Amino acid sequence: MNYQNQGRQMALDALFKLLKAAPIKSSEYSNYGQYQSLDISKLEFDTWLNYVDSILQISYNHLGLGIIMATRLNIEQIASQNEIFYIYRVEQIKNQILNLAHSILQQY
């Protein structure tokens, strides 16, 4: 396997790990026995978002693909949408990551 294929495989593996590490919505029962669906915390979101950003930066350094930086910019825009719940932003970011993985596979 040549260096370029190794870099591609490393980037894809890291992207799939990001997807697996994405925070998920928790749920609990209130004091009144009513089921409540909860958003994730800002800390959970920010921690995962930093992980995403780091992986994208490392992937870009190895592959130099402009699509990685474009995805990073899209994710920054999604992350800054304060009017929607964190968990919805996570889902949108996961879609960006999946699209990026698909694009990387098509590049080679």
C-alpha atoms as a PDB file:
ATOM      1  CA  MET A   1       0.000   0.000   0.000  1.00  0.00           C
ATOM      2  CA  ASN A   2       1.471   3.333  -0.977  1.00  0.00           C
ATOM      3  CA  TYR A   3       1.600   6.458   1.178  1.00  0.00           C
ATOM      4  CA  GLN A   4      -1.411   8.081  -0.487  1.00  0.00           C
ATOM      5  CA  ASN A   5      -3.588   5.004   0.082  1.00  0.00           C
ATOM      6  CA  GLN A   6      -2.404   4.796   3.683  1.00  0.00           C
ATOM      7  CA  GLY A   7      -3.344   8.435   4.216  1.00  0.00           C
ATOM      8  CA  ARG A   8      -6.743   7.898   2.671  1.00  0.00           C
ATOM      9  CA  GLN A   9      -7.393   4.846   4.821  1.00  0.00           C
ATOM     10  CA  MET A  10      -6.238   6.690   7.947  1.00  0.00           C
ATOM     11  CA  ALA A  11      -8.581   9.593   7.170  1.00  0.00           C
ATOM     12  CA  LEU A  12     -11.542   7.289   6.511  1.00  0.00           C
ATOM     13  CA  ASP A  13     -10.931   5.322   9.706  1.00  0.00           C
ATOM     14  CA  ALA A  14     -10.753   8.557  11.692  1.00  0.00           C
ATOM     15  CA  LEU A  15     -13.963   9.865  10.102  1.00  0.00           C
ATOM     16  CA  PHE A  16     -15.822   6.701  11.031  1.00  0.00           C
ATOM     17  CA  LYS A  17     -14.510   6.971  14.587  1.00  0.00           C
ATOM     18  CA  LEU A  18     -15.913  10.508  14.711  1.00  0.00           C
ATOM     19  CA  LEU A  19     -19.306   9.159  13.758  1.00  0.00           C
ATOM     20  CA  LYS A  20     -19.132   6.491  16.443  1.00  0.00           C
ATOM     21  CA  ALA A  21     -18.031   9.037  19.050  1.00  0.00           C
ATOM     22  CA  ALA A  22     -20.861  11.470  18.308  1.00  0.00           C
ATOM     23  CA  PRO A  23     -22.925  12.346  21.359  1.00  0.00           C
ATOM     24  CA  ILE A  24     -26.413  10.913  21.478  1.00  0.00           C
ATOM     25  CA  LYS A  25     -29.589  12.283  22.968  1.00  0.00           C
ATOM     26  CA  SER A  26     -30.348  10.996  26.430  1.00  0.00           C
ATOM     27  CA  SER A  27     -33.772  10.616  27.955  1.00  0.00           C
ATOM     28  CA  GLU A  28     -35.143  10.334  31.434  1.00  0.00           C
ATOM     29  CA  TYR A  29     -38.346  10.466  33.416  1.00  0.00           C
ATOM     30  CA  SER A  30     -39.289  13.647  35.224  1.00  0.00           C
ATOM     31  CA  ASN A  31     -40.418  13.769  38.844  1.00  0.00           C
ATOM     32  CA  TYR A  32     -43.972  13.555  37.563  1.00  0.00           C
ATOM     33  CA  GLY A  33     -43.430  10.334  35.631  1.00  0.00           C
ATOM     34  CA  GLN A  34     -43.524  12.054  32.267  1.00  0.00           C
ATOM     35  CA  TYR A  35     -41.014  11.011  29.682  1.00  0.00           C
ATOM     36  CA  GLN A  36     -38.706  13.855  28.707  1.00  0.00           C
ATOM     37  CA  SER A  37     -36.332  13.952  25.786  1.00  0.00           C
ATOM     38  CA  LEU A  38     -33.179  15.894  26.535  1.00  0.00           C
ATOM     39  CA  ASP A  39     -30.720  17.711  24.351  1.00  0.00           C
ATOM     40  CA  ILE A  40     -27.037  17.028  24.842  1.00  0.00           C
ATOM     41  CA  SER A  41     -25.000  19.484  26.886  1.00  0.00           C
ATOM     42  CA  LYS A  42     -22.927  22.321  25.466  1.00  0.00           C
ATOM     43  CA  LEU A  43     -19.838  20.641  26.932  1.00  0.00           C
ATOM     44  CA  GLU A  44     -20.589  17.359  25.139  1.00  0.00           C
ATOM     45  CA  PHE A  45     -21.158  19.208  21.890  1.00  0.00           C
ATOM     46  CA  ASP A  46     -18.057  21.394  22.196  1.00  0.00           C
ATOM     47  CA  THR A  47     -15.839  18.455  23.143  1.00  0.00           C
ATOM     48  CA  TRP A  48     -16.986  16.403  20.159  1.00  0.00           C
ATOM     49  CA  LEU A  49     -16.753  19.437  17.875  1.00  0.00           C
ATOM     50  CA  ASN A  50     -13.109  19.965  18.911  1.00  0.00           C
ATOM     51  CA  TYR A  51     -12.441  16.291  18.148  1.00  0.00           C
ATOM     52  CA  VAL A  52     -14.070  16.709  14.722  1.00  0.00           C
ATOM     53  CA  ASP A  53     -12.002  19.808  13.984  1.00  0.00           C
ATOM     54  CA  SER A  54      -8.755  18.093  15.004  1.00  0.00           C
ATOM     55  CA  ILE A  55      -9.431  15.045  12.838  1.00  0.00           C
ATOM     56  CA  LEU A  56     -10.312  17.203   9.842  1.00  0.00           C
ATOM     57  CA  GLN A  57      -7.137  19.251  10.261  1.00  0.00           C
ATOM     58  CA  ILE A  58      -4.972  16.121  10.507  1.00  0.00           C
ATOM     59  CA  SER A  59      -6.738  14.580   7.506  1.00  0.00           C
ATOM     60  CA  TYR A  60      -6.174  17.714   5.478  1.00  0.00           C
ATOM     61  CA  ASN A  61      -2.482  17.715   6.435  1.00  0.00           C
ATOM     62  CA  HIS A  62      -2.142  14.135   5.155  1.00  0.00           C
ATOM     63  CA  LEU A  63      -4.270  14.359   2.022  1.00  0.00           C
ATOM     64  CA  GLY A  64      -4.356  18.047   1.104  1.00  0.00           C
ATOM     65  CA  LEU A  65      -7.865  17.774  -0.333  1.00  0.00           C
ATOM     66  CA  GLY A  66      -9.817  21.004  -0.592  1.00  0.00           C
ATOM     67  CA  ILE A  67     -13.047  19.136   0.143  1.00  0.00           C
ATOM     68  CA  ILE A  68     -11.791  18.563   3.683  1.00  0.00           C
ATOM     69  CA  MET A  69     -11.403  22.288   4.299  1.00  0.00           C
ATOM     70  CA  ALA A  70     -14.770  22.998   2.658  1.00  0.00           C
ATOM     71  CA  THR A  71     -16.376  20.447   4.986  1.00  0.00           C
ATOM     72  CA  ARG A  72     -14.649  22.068   7.945  1.00  0.00           C
ATOM     73  CA  LEU A  73     -16.147  25.438   6.988  1.00  0.00           C
ATOM     74  CA  ASN A  74     -19.606  23.889   6.569  1.00  0.00           C
ATOM     75  CA  ILE A  75     -19.304  22.308  10.013  1.00  0.00           C
ATOM     76  CA  GLU A  76     -18.304  25.656  11.545  1.00  0.00           C
ATOM     77  CA  GLN A  77     -21.457  27.192  10.060  1.00  0.00           C
ATOM     78  CA  ILE A  78     -23.625  24.383  11.406  1.00  0.00           C
ATOM     79  CA  ALA A  79     -22.032  24.618  14.843  1.00  0.00           C
ATOM     80  CA  SER A  80     -22.772  28.334  15.051  1.00  0.00           C
ATOM     81  CA  GLN A  81     -26.534  27.910  14.504  1.00  0.00           C
ATOM     82  CA  ASN A  82     -27.577  28.823  18.028  1.00  0.00           C
ATOM     83  CA  GLU A  83     -31.291  28.633  17.294  1.00  0.00           C
ATOM     84  CA  ILE A  84     -31.336  24.826  16.992  1.00  0.00           C
ATOM     85  CA  PHE A  85     -30.645  22.110  19.563  1.00  0.00           C
ATOM     86  CA  TYR A  86     -27.146  20.695  19.840  1.00  0.00           C
ATOM     87  CA  ILE A  87     -28.333  17.210  18.968  1.00  0.00           C
ATOM     88  CA  TYR A  88     -29.714  18.447  15.636  1.00  0.00           C
ATOM     89  CA  ARG A  89     -26.413  20.135  14.897  1.00  0.00           C
ATOM     90  CA  VAL A  90     -24.662  16.836  15.650  1.00  0.00           C
ATOM     91  CA  GLU A  91     -26.869  15.072  13.088  1.00  0.00           C
ATOM     92  CA  GLN A  92     -26.125  17.711  10.452  1.00  0.00           C
ATOM     93  CA  ILE A  93     -22.399  17.462  11.162  1.00  0.00           C
ATOM     94  CA  LYS A  94     -22.538  13.670  10.927  1.00  0.00           C
ATOM     95  CA  ASN A  95     -24.089  14.059   7.468  1.00  0.00           C
ATOM     96  CA  GLN A  96     -21.215  16.352   6.473  1.00  0.00           C
ATOM     97  CA  ILE A  97     -18.722  13.739   7.701  1.00  0.00           C
ATOM     98  CA  LEU A  98     -20.459  10.968   5.742  1.00  0.00           C
ATOM     99  CA  ASN A  99     -20.460  13.100   2.614  1.00  0.00           C
ATOM    100  CA  LEU A 100     -16.767  13.807   3.111  1.00  0.00           C
ATOM    101  CA  ALA A 101     -15.983  10.103   3.499  1.00  0.00           C
ATOM    102  CA  HIS A 102     -17.883   9.412   0.288  1.00  0.00           C
ATOM    103  CA  SER A 103     -15.950  12.162  -1.509  1.00  0.00           C
ATOM    104  CA  ILE A 104     -12.611  10.822  -0.289  1.00  0.00           C
ATOM    105  CA  LEU A 105     -13.513   7.374  -1.580  1.00  0.00           C
ATOM    106  CA  GLN A 106     -14.357   8.837  -4.974  1.00  0.00           C
ATOM    107  CA  GLN A 107     -11.096  10.837  -5.155  1.00  0.00           C
ATOM    108  CA  TYR A 108      -8.967   7.694  -5.376  1.00  0.00           C
END
